[in-house]
């Protein structure tokens, strides 16, 4: 199954969110409360990825 590269993986529980995103040859892992602004976190992660990946 060819589904492409991983952009972000988001796990949600009733109390928390866990976001994993590739960054270069490593991964960024963010652990937040459930009420965190997911859209803002995704924008910041994309910015970090672009800065590190070039």
PDB file of N, CA and C in Angstrom:
ATOM      1  N   UNK A   1       0.853  -1.165   0.000  1.00  0.00           N
ATOM      2  CA  UNK A   1       0.000   0.000   0.000  1.00  0.00           C
ATOM      3  C   UNK A   1       0.906   1.238   0.000  1.00  0.00           C
ATOM      4  N   UNK A   2       0.797   2.059  -1.019  1.00  0.00           N
ATOM      5  CA  UNK A   2       1.607   3.270  -1.125  1.00  0.00           C
ATOM      6  C   UNK A   2       0.758   4.463  -0.688  1.00  0.00           C
ATOM      7  N   UNK A   3       0.925   4.889   0.570  1.00  0.00           N
ATOM      8  CA  UNK A   3       0.123   5.999   1.090  1.00  0.00           C
ATOM      9  C   UNK A   3       0.928   7.273   1.280  1.00  0.00           C
ATOM     10  N   UNK A   4       2.206   7.262   0.914  1.00  0.00           N
ATOM     11  CA  UNK A   4       3.030   8.466   1.021  1.00  0.00           C
ATOM     12  C   UNK A   4       3.770   8.553   2.336  1.00  0.00           C
ATOM     13  N   UNK A   5       4.436   9.690   2.509  1.00  0.00           N
ATOM     14  CA  UNK A   5       5.244   9.922   3.708  1.00  0.00           C
ATOM     15  C   UNK A   5       4.388  10.396   4.878  1.00  0.00           C
ATOM     16  N   UNK A   6       4.869  10.127   6.084  1.00  0.00           N
ATOM     17  CA  UNK A   6       4.197  10.579   7.295  1.00  0.00           C
ATOM     18  C   UNK A   6       4.363  12.084   7.443  1.00  0.00           C
ATOM     19  N   UNK A   7       3.254  12.807   7.578  1.00  0.00           N
ATOM     20  CA  UNK A   7       3.298  14.249   7.797  1.00  0.00           C
ATOM     21  C   UNK A   7       3.232  14.530   9.293  1.00  0.00           C
ATOM     22  N   UNK A   8       2.196  14.032   9.933  1.00  0.00           N
ATOM     23  CA  UNK A   8       2.040  14.151  11.381  1.00  0.00           C
ATOM     24  C   UNK A   8       1.150  13.014  11.854  1.00  0.00           C
ATOM     25  N   UNK A   9       1.424  12.554  13.064  1.00  0.00           N
ATOM     26  CA  UNK A   9       0.598  11.537  13.694  1.00  0.00           C
ATOM     27  C   UNK A   9       0.053  12.150  14.972  1.00  0.00           C
ATOM     28  N   UNK A  10      -1.273  12.131  15.132  1.00  0.00           N
ATOM     29  CA  UNK A  10      -1.899  12.752  16.296  1.00  0.00           C
ATOM     30  C   UNK A  10      -2.705  11.693  17.048  1.00  0.00           C
ATOM     31  N   UNK A  11      -2.372  11.519  18.321  1.00  0.00           N
ATOM     32  CA  UNK A  11      -3.109  10.613  19.201  1.00  0.00           C
ATOM     33  C   UNK A  11      -3.858  11.467  20.212  1.00  0.00           C
ATOM     34  N   UNK A  12      -5.141  11.190  20.388  1.00  0.00           N
ATOM     35  CA  UNK A  12      -5.947  11.976  21.324  1.00  0.00           C
ATOM     36  C   UNK A  12      -6.601  11.075  22.359  1.00  0.00           C
ATOM     37  N   UNK A  13      -6.579  11.533  23.604  1.00  0.00           N
ATOM     38  CA  UNK A  13      -7.313  10.894  24.692  1.00  0.00           C
ATOM     39  C   UNK A  13      -8.263  11.955  25.245  1.00  0.00           C
ATOM     40  N   UNK A  14      -9.132  11.605  26.150  1.00  0.00           N
ATOM     41  CA  UNK A  14     -10.015  12.627  26.717  1.00  0.00           C
ATOM     42  C   UNK A  14      -9.265  13.756  27.432  1.00  0.00           C
ATOM     43  N   UNK A  15      -8.048  13.500  27.895  1.00  0.00           N
ATOM     44  CA  UNK A  15      -7.328  14.521  28.661  1.00  0.00           C
ATOM     45  C   UNK A  15      -6.066  15.059  27.996  1.00  0.00           C
ATOM     46  N   UNK A  16      -5.554  14.379  26.968  1.00  0.00           N
ATOM     47  CA  UNK A  16      -4.286  14.799  26.369  1.00  0.00           C
ATOM     48  C   UNK A  16      -4.251  14.576  24.863  1.00  0.00           C
ATOM     49  N   UNK A  17      -3.270  15.231  24.213  1.00  0.00           N
ATOM     50  CA  UNK A  17      -2.958  14.997  22.801  1.00  0.00           C
ATOM     51  C   UNK A  17      -1.463  14.758  22.704  1.00  0.00           C
ATOM     52  N   UNK A  18      -1.075  13.883  21.777  1.00  0.00           N
ATOM     53  CA  UNK A  18       0.326  13.569  21.544  1.00  0.00           C
ATOM     54  C   UNK A  18       0.549  13.660  20.047  1.00  0.00           C
ATOM     55  N   UNK A  19       1.414  14.572  19.624  1.00  0.00           N
ATOM     56  CA  UNK A  19       1.666  14.799  18.208  1.00  0.00           C
ATOM     57  C   UNK A  19       3.098  14.381  17.892  1.00  0.00           C
ATOM     58  N   UNK A  20       3.261  13.577  16.854  1.00  0.00           N
ATOM     59  CA  UNK A  20       4.577  13.135  16.403  1.00  0.00           C
ATOM     60  C   UNK A  20       4.735  13.594  14.962  1.00  0.00           C
ATOM     61  N   UNK A  21       5.862  14.259  14.667  1.00  0.00           N
ATOM     62  CA  UNK A  21       6.110  14.758  13.320  1.00  0.00           C
ATOM     63  C   UNK A  21       7.571  14.552  12.956  1.00  0.00           C
ATOM     64  N   UNK A  22       7.837  14.055  11.731  1.00  0.00           N
ATOM     65  CA  UNK A  22       9.226  13.883  11.315  1.00  0.00           C
ATOM     66  C   UNK A  22       9.914  15.235  11.158  1.00  0.00           C
ATOM     67  N   UNK A  23      11.194  15.249  11.489  1.00  0.00           N
ATOM     68  CA  UNK A  23      11.980  16.481  11.381  1.00  0.00           C
ATOM     69  C   UNK A  23      13.421  16.078  11.071  1.00  0.00           C
ATOM     70  N   UNK A  24      13.803  16.195   9.798  1.00  0.00           N
ATOM     71  CA  UNK A  24      15.114  15.702   9.393  1.00  0.00           C
ATOM     72  C   UNK A  24      15.144  14.195   9.546  1.00  0.00           C
ATOM     73  N   UNK A  25      16.175  13.686  10.202  1.00  0.00           N
ATOM     74  CA  UNK A  25      16.248  12.240  10.428  1.00  0.00           C
ATOM     75  C   UNK A  25      15.749  11.852  11.818  1.00  0.00           C
ATOM     76  N   UNK A  26      15.099  12.793  12.508  1.00  0.00           N
ATOM     77  CA  UNK A  26      14.538  12.555  13.839  1.00  0.00           C
ATOM     78  C   UNK A  26      13.041  12.829  13.818  1.00  0.00           C
ATOM     79  N   UNK A  27      12.409  12.777  14.993  1.00  0.00           N
ATOM     80  CA  UNK A  27      10.987  13.089  15.125  1.00  0.00           C
ATOM     81  C   UNK A  27      10.784  14.085  16.253  1.00  0.00           C
ATOM     82  N   UNK A  28       9.851  15.012  16.049  1.00  0.00           N
ATOM     83  CA  UNK A  28       9.427  15.921  17.112  1.00  0.00           C
ATOM     84  C   UNK A  28       8.219  15.290  17.788  1.00  0.00           C
ATOM     85  N   UNK A  29       8.203  15.293  19.111  1.00  0.00           N
ATOM     86  CA  UNK A  29       7.087  14.742  19.875  1.00  0.00           C
ATOM     87  C   UNK A  29       6.569  15.822  20.810  1.00  0.00           C
ATOM     88  N   UNK A  30       5.285  16.123  20.692  1.00  0.00           N
ATOM     89  CA  UNK A  30       4.658  17.160  21.510  1.00  0.00           C
ATOM     90  C   UNK A  30       3.551  16.506  22.334  1.00  0.00           C
ATOM     91  N   UNK A  31       3.571  16.742  23.632  1.00  0.00           N
ATOM     92  CA  UNK A  31       2.553  16.222  24.544  1.00  0.00           C
ATOM     93  C   UNK A  31       1.815  17.415  25.133  1.00  0.00           C
ATOM     94  N   UNK A  32       0.494  17.495  24.919  1.00  0.00           N
ATOM     95  CA  UNK A  32      -0.285  18.646  25.369  1.00  0.00           C
ATOM     96  C   UNK A  32      -1.543  18.199  26.108  1.00  0.00           C
ATOM     97  N   UNK A  33      -2.184  19.170  26.716  1.00  0.00           N
ATOM     98  CA  UNK A  33      -3.513  18.922  27.283  1.00  0.00           C
ATOM     99  C   UNK A  33      -4.515  18.840  26.136  1.00  0.00           C
ATOM    100  N   UNK A  34      -5.653  18.263  26.393  1.00  0.00           N
ATOM    101  CA  UNK A  34      -6.667  18.080  25.351  1.00  0.00           C
ATOM    102  C   UNK A  34      -7.212  19.401  24.825  1.00  0.00           C
ATOM    103  N   UNK A  35      -7.173  20.460  25.633  1.00  0.00           N
ATOM    104  CA  UNK A  35      -7.734  21.740  25.195  1.00  0.00           C
ATOM    105  C   UNK A  35      -6.726  22.621  24.449  1.00  0.00           C
ATOM    106  N   UNK A  36      -5.536  22.095  24.153  1.00  0.00           N
ATOM    107  CA  UNK A  36      -4.530  22.865  23.412  1.00  0.00           C
ATOM    108  C   UNK A  36      -5.027  23.139  21.991  1.00  0.00           C
ATOM    109  N   UNK A  37      -4.605  24.258  21.427  1.00  0.00           N
ATOM    110  CA  UNK A  37      -4.994  24.653  20.077  1.00  0.00           C
ATOM    111  C   UNK A  37      -4.212  23.826  19.049  1.00  0.00           C
ATOM    112  N   UNK A  38      -4.807  22.755  18.561  1.00  0.00           N
ATOM    113  CA  UNK A  38      -4.137  21.838  17.652  1.00  0.00           C
ATOM    114  C   UNK A  38      -3.704  22.524  16.355  1.00  0.00           C
ATOM    115  N   UNK A  39      -4.517  23.410  15.835  1.00  0.00           N
ATOM    116  CA  UNK A  39      -4.162  24.123  14.604  1.00  0.00           C
ATOM    117  C   UNK A  39      -2.899  24.944  14.758  1.00  0.00           C
ATOM    118  N   UNK A  40      -2.778  25.655  15.865  1.00  0.00           N
ATOM    119  CA  UNK A  40      -1.586  26.466  16.121  1.00  0.00           C
ATOM    120  C   UNK A  40      -0.353  25.577  16.286  1.00  0.00           C
ATOM    121  N   UNK A  41      -0.501  24.472  16.978  1.00  0.00           N
ATOM    122  CA  UNK A  41       0.617  23.541  17.161  1.00  0.00           C
ATOM    123  C   UNK A  41       1.076  22.995  15.810  1.00  0.00           C
ATOM    124  N   UNK A  42       0.136  22.650  14.940  1.00  0.00           N
ATOM    125  CA  UNK A  42       0.494  22.122  13.618  1.00  0.00           C
ATOM    126  C   UNK A  42       1.221  23.166  12.781  1.00  0.00           C
ATOM    127  N   UNK A  43       0.808  24.421  12.856  1.00  0.00           N
ATOM    128  CA  UNK A  43       1.486  25.496  12.120  1.00  0.00           C
ATOM    129  C   UNK A  43       2.922  25.652  12.614  1.00  0.00           C
ATOM    130  N   UNK A  44       3.115  25.641  13.926  1.00  0.00           N
ATOM    131  CA  UNK A  44       4.463  25.773  14.494  1.00  0.00           C
ATOM    132  C   UNK A  44       5.329  24.575  14.104  1.00  0.00           C
ATOM    133  N   UNK A  45       4.775  23.373  14.150  1.00  0.00           N
ATOM    134  CA  UNK A  45       5.529  22.185  13.748  1.00  0.00           C
ATOM    135  C   UNK A  45       5.970  22.279  12.289  1.00  0.00           C
ATOM    136  N   UNK A  46       5.076  22.717  11.406  1.00  0.00           N
ATOM    137  CA  UNK A  46       5.427  22.877   9.993  1.00  0.00           C
ATOM    138  C   UNK A  46       6.563  23.878   9.832  1.00  0.00           C
ATOM    139  N   UNK A  47       6.513  24.959  10.587  1.00  0.00           N
ATOM    140  CA  UNK A  47       7.562  25.977  10.529  1.00  0.00           C
ATOM    141  C   UNK A  47       8.906  25.403  10.974  1.00  0.00           C
ATOM    142  N   UNK A  48       8.901  24.643  12.050  1.00  0.00           N
ATOM    143  CA  UNK A  48      10.133  24.015  12.546  1.00  0.00           C
ATOM    144  C   UNK A  48      10.667  23.019  11.518  1.00  0.00           C
ATOM    145  N   UNK A  49       9.772  22.228  10.929  1.00  0.00           N
ATOM    146  CA  UNK A  49      10.196  21.251   9.925  1.00  0.00           C
ATOM    147  C   UNK A  49      10.862  21.942   8.734  1.00  0.00           C
ATOM    148  N   UNK A  50      10.276  23.022   8.248  1.00  0.00           N
ATOM    149  CA  UNK A  50      10.843  23.750   7.108  1.00  0.00           C
ATOM    150  C   UNK A  50      12.196  24.351   7.461  1.00  0.00           C
ATOM    151  N   UNK A  51      12.318  24.878   8.670  1.00  0.00           N
ATOM    152  CA  UNK A  51      13.574  25.491   9.107  1.00  0.00           C
ATOM    153  C   UNK A  51      14.700  24.456   9.187  1.00  0.00           C
ATOM    154  N   UNK A  52      14.402  23.286   9.713  1.00  0.00           N
ATOM    155  CA  UNK A  52      15.429  22.258   9.887  1.00  0.00           C
ATOM    156  C   UNK A  52      15.714  21.517   8.577  1.00  0.00           C
ATOM    157  N   UNK A  53      14.660  21.206   7.820  1.00  0.00           N
ATOM    158  CA  UNK A  53      14.840  20.449   6.579  1.00  0.00           C
ATOM    159  C   UNK A  53      15.384  21.317   5.440  1.00  0.00           C
ATOM    160  N   UNK A  54      15.254  22.625   5.576  1.00  0.00           N
ATOM    161  CA  UNK A  54      15.784  23.521   4.548  1.00  0.00           C
ATOM    162  C   UNK A  54      14.804  23.849   3.543  1.00  0.00           C
TER     163      UNK A  54
END
